[in-house]
């Protein structure tokens, strides 16, 4: 017996405002951004350079289908300085 699954489209929306007193991993300041992961979909904010108190003021949106086979939303604070080659 086959079942029909109705997939309705929805959006996962996350408002990213600011970071406070971020500790630099490399150097004296950070070049930071926020990464948002849901399943195989990834979105990110712009990179705020040379700032330990970054202000992004961005909204990230990811399409979500119901039923969703993923239940983890991952937010990562990333310092782009760590990934730059020297």
C-alpha atoms as a PDB file:
ATOM      1  CA  UNK A   1       0.000   0.000   0.000  1.00  0.00           C
ATOM      2  CA  UNK A   2       1.424   3.399  -0.976  1.00  0.00           C
ATOM      3  CA  UNK A   3       0.775   6.474   1.101  1.00  0.00           C
ATOM      4  CA  UNK A   4       0.533   9.965  -0.259  1.00  0.00           C
ATOM      5  CA  UNK A   5       2.520  12.522   1.693  1.00  0.00           C
ATOM      6  CA  UNK A   6       1.449  16.101   1.366  1.00  0.00           C
ATOM      7  CA  UNK A   7       4.473  18.376   1.504  1.00  0.00           C
ATOM      8  CA  UNK A   8       3.673  21.906   2.496  1.00  0.00           C
ATOM      9  CA  UNK A   9       6.315  24.561   2.151  1.00  0.00           C
ATOM     10  CA  UNK A  10       7.318  26.582   5.186  1.00  0.00           C
ATOM     11  CA  UNK A  11      10.241  28.803   6.113  1.00  0.00           C
ATOM     12  CA  UNK A  12      12.603  28.585   9.042  1.00  0.00           C
ATOM     13  CA  UNK A  13      13.482  32.204   9.762  1.00  0.00           C
ATOM     14  CA  UNK A  14      16.219  33.275  12.173  1.00  0.00           C
ATOM     15  CA  UNK A  15      16.983  36.897  13.072  1.00  0.00           C
ATOM     16  CA  UNK A  16      20.685  37.485  13.785  1.00  0.00           C
ATOM     17  CA  UNK A  17      21.430  40.756  15.558  1.00  0.00           C
ATOM     18  CA  UNK A  18      24.820  41.106  17.223  1.00  0.00           C
ATOM     19  CA  UNK A  19      27.652  39.517  19.150  1.00  0.00           C
ATOM     20  CA  UNK A  20      29.251  40.954  22.272  1.00  0.00           C
ATOM     21  CA  UNK A  21      32.823  40.641  23.547  1.00  0.00           C
ATOM     22  CA  UNK A  22      33.859  37.905  21.114  1.00  0.00           C
ATOM     23  CA  UNK A  23      37.245  36.435  21.926  1.00  0.00           C
ATOM     24  CA  UNK A  24      39.670  36.463  18.979  1.00  0.00           C
ATOM     25  CA  UNK A  25      40.990  33.069  17.926  1.00  0.00           C
ATOM     26  CA  UNK A  26      43.760  34.492  15.723  1.00  0.00           C
ATOM     27  CA  UNK A  27      44.964  38.084  15.989  1.00  0.00           C
ATOM     28  CA  UNK A  28      43.505  40.906  18.072  1.00  0.00           C
ATOM     29  CA  UNK A  29      40.002  41.078  16.568  1.00  0.00           C
ATOM     30  CA  UNK A  30      37.613  38.761  14.780  1.00  0.00           C
ATOM     31  CA  UNK A  31      36.259  38.585  11.240  1.00  0.00           C
ATOM     32  CA  UNK A  32      33.092  36.793  12.227  1.00  0.00           C
ATOM     33  CA  UNK A  33      29.906  35.496  10.656  1.00  0.00           C
ATOM     34  CA  UNK A  34      27.055  33.211  11.674  1.00  0.00           C
ATOM     35  CA  UNK A  35      26.327  29.993   9.779  1.00  0.00           C
ATOM     36  CA  UNK A  36      22.841  28.428   9.899  1.00  0.00           C
ATOM     37  CA  UNK A  37      22.406  24.737   9.003  1.00  0.00           C
ATOM     38  CA  UNK A  38      19.219  22.727   8.656  1.00  0.00           C
ATOM     39  CA  UNK A  39      19.714  19.350   7.037  1.00  0.00           C
ATOM     40  CA  UNK A  40      21.649  19.836   3.807  1.00  0.00           C
ATOM     41  CA  UNK A  41      20.802  23.554   3.544  1.00  0.00           C
ATOM     42  CA  UNK A  42      23.252  26.223   4.673  1.00  0.00           C
ATOM     43  CA  UNK A  43      22.901  30.004   4.900  1.00  0.00           C
ATOM     44  CA  UNK A  44      25.220  32.553   6.444  1.00  0.00           C
ATOM     45  CA  UNK A  45      25.447  36.203   7.370  1.00  0.00           C
ATOM     46  CA  UNK A  46      27.909  38.644   5.907  1.00  0.00           C
ATOM     47  CA  UNK A  47      31.347  38.736   7.517  1.00  0.00           C
ATOM     48  CA  UNK A  48      31.951  41.631   9.892  1.00  0.00           C
ATOM     49  CA  UNK A  49      35.681  42.338   9.840  1.00  0.00           C
ATOM     50  CA  UNK A  50      37.979  43.554  12.609  1.00  0.00           C
ATOM     51  CA  UNK A  51      35.268  43.688  15.259  1.00  0.00           C
ATOM     52  CA  UNK A  52      34.827  41.936  18.612  1.00  0.00           C
ATOM     53  CA  UNK A  53      31.277  43.364  18.915  1.00  0.00           C
ATOM     54  CA  UNK A  54      29.852  42.612  15.450  1.00  0.00           C
ATOM     55  CA  UNK A  55      26.403  43.772  14.380  1.00  0.00           C
ATOM     56  CA  UNK A  56      24.855  41.705  11.606  1.00  0.00           C
ATOM     57  CA  UNK A  57      21.181  42.745  11.780  1.00  0.00           C
ATOM     58  CA  UNK A  58      20.229  40.117   9.203  1.00  0.00           C
ATOM     59  CA  UNK A  59      17.432  37.619   8.728  1.00  0.00           C
ATOM     60  CA  UNK A  60      18.315  34.170   7.407  1.00  0.00           C
ATOM     61  CA  UNK A  61      15.600  31.975   5.890  1.00  0.00           C
ATOM     62  CA  UNK A  62      15.676  28.306   4.932  1.00  0.00           C
ATOM     63  CA  UNK A  63      12.838  26.472   3.180  1.00  0.00           C
ATOM     64  CA  UNK A  64      11.375  23.624   5.228  1.00  0.00           C
ATOM     65  CA  UNK A  65       9.110  20.855   3.969  1.00  0.00           C
ATOM     66  CA  UNK A  66       6.606  19.150   6.233  1.00  0.00           C
ATOM     67  CA  UNK A  67       7.231  16.428   7.241  1.00  0.00           C
ATOM     68  CA  UNK A  68      10.825  17.388   7.938  1.00  0.00           C
ATOM     69  CA  UNK A  69      13.290  14.542   8.291  1.00  0.00           C
ATOM     70  CA  UNK A  70      15.733  16.713  10.216  1.00  0.00           C
ATOM     71  CA  UNK A  71      15.084  18.121  13.658  1.00  0.00           C
ATOM     72  CA  UNK A  72      18.372  19.902  14.399  1.00  0.00           C
ATOM     73  CA  UNK A  73      18.983  23.562  13.705  1.00  0.00           C
ATOM     74  CA  UNK A  74      22.668  24.430  14.003  1.00  0.00           C
ATOM     75  CA  UNK A  75      23.981  27.979  14.464  1.00  0.00           C
ATOM     76  CA  UNK A  76      27.749  28.430  14.353  1.00  0.00           C
ATOM     77  CA  UNK A  77      29.802  31.499  15.155  1.00  0.00           C
ATOM     78  CA  UNK A  78      32.788  31.386  12.801  1.00  0.00           C
ATOM     79  CA  UNK A  79      35.940  33.506  12.769  1.00  0.00           C
ATOM     80  CA  UNK A  80      37.001  33.834   9.133  1.00  0.00           C
ATOM     81  CA  UNK A  81      40.571  34.644  10.281  1.00  0.00           C
ATOM     82  CA  UNK A  82      41.054  31.005  11.219  1.00  0.00           C
ATOM     83  CA  UNK A  83      40.381  29.849   7.648  1.00  0.00           C
ATOM     84  CA  UNK A  84      42.600  32.363   5.828  1.00  0.00           C
ATOM     85  CA  UNK A  85      45.843  31.026   4.443  1.00  0.00           C
ATOM     86  CA  UNK A  86      49.057  32.815   5.307  1.00  0.00           C
END
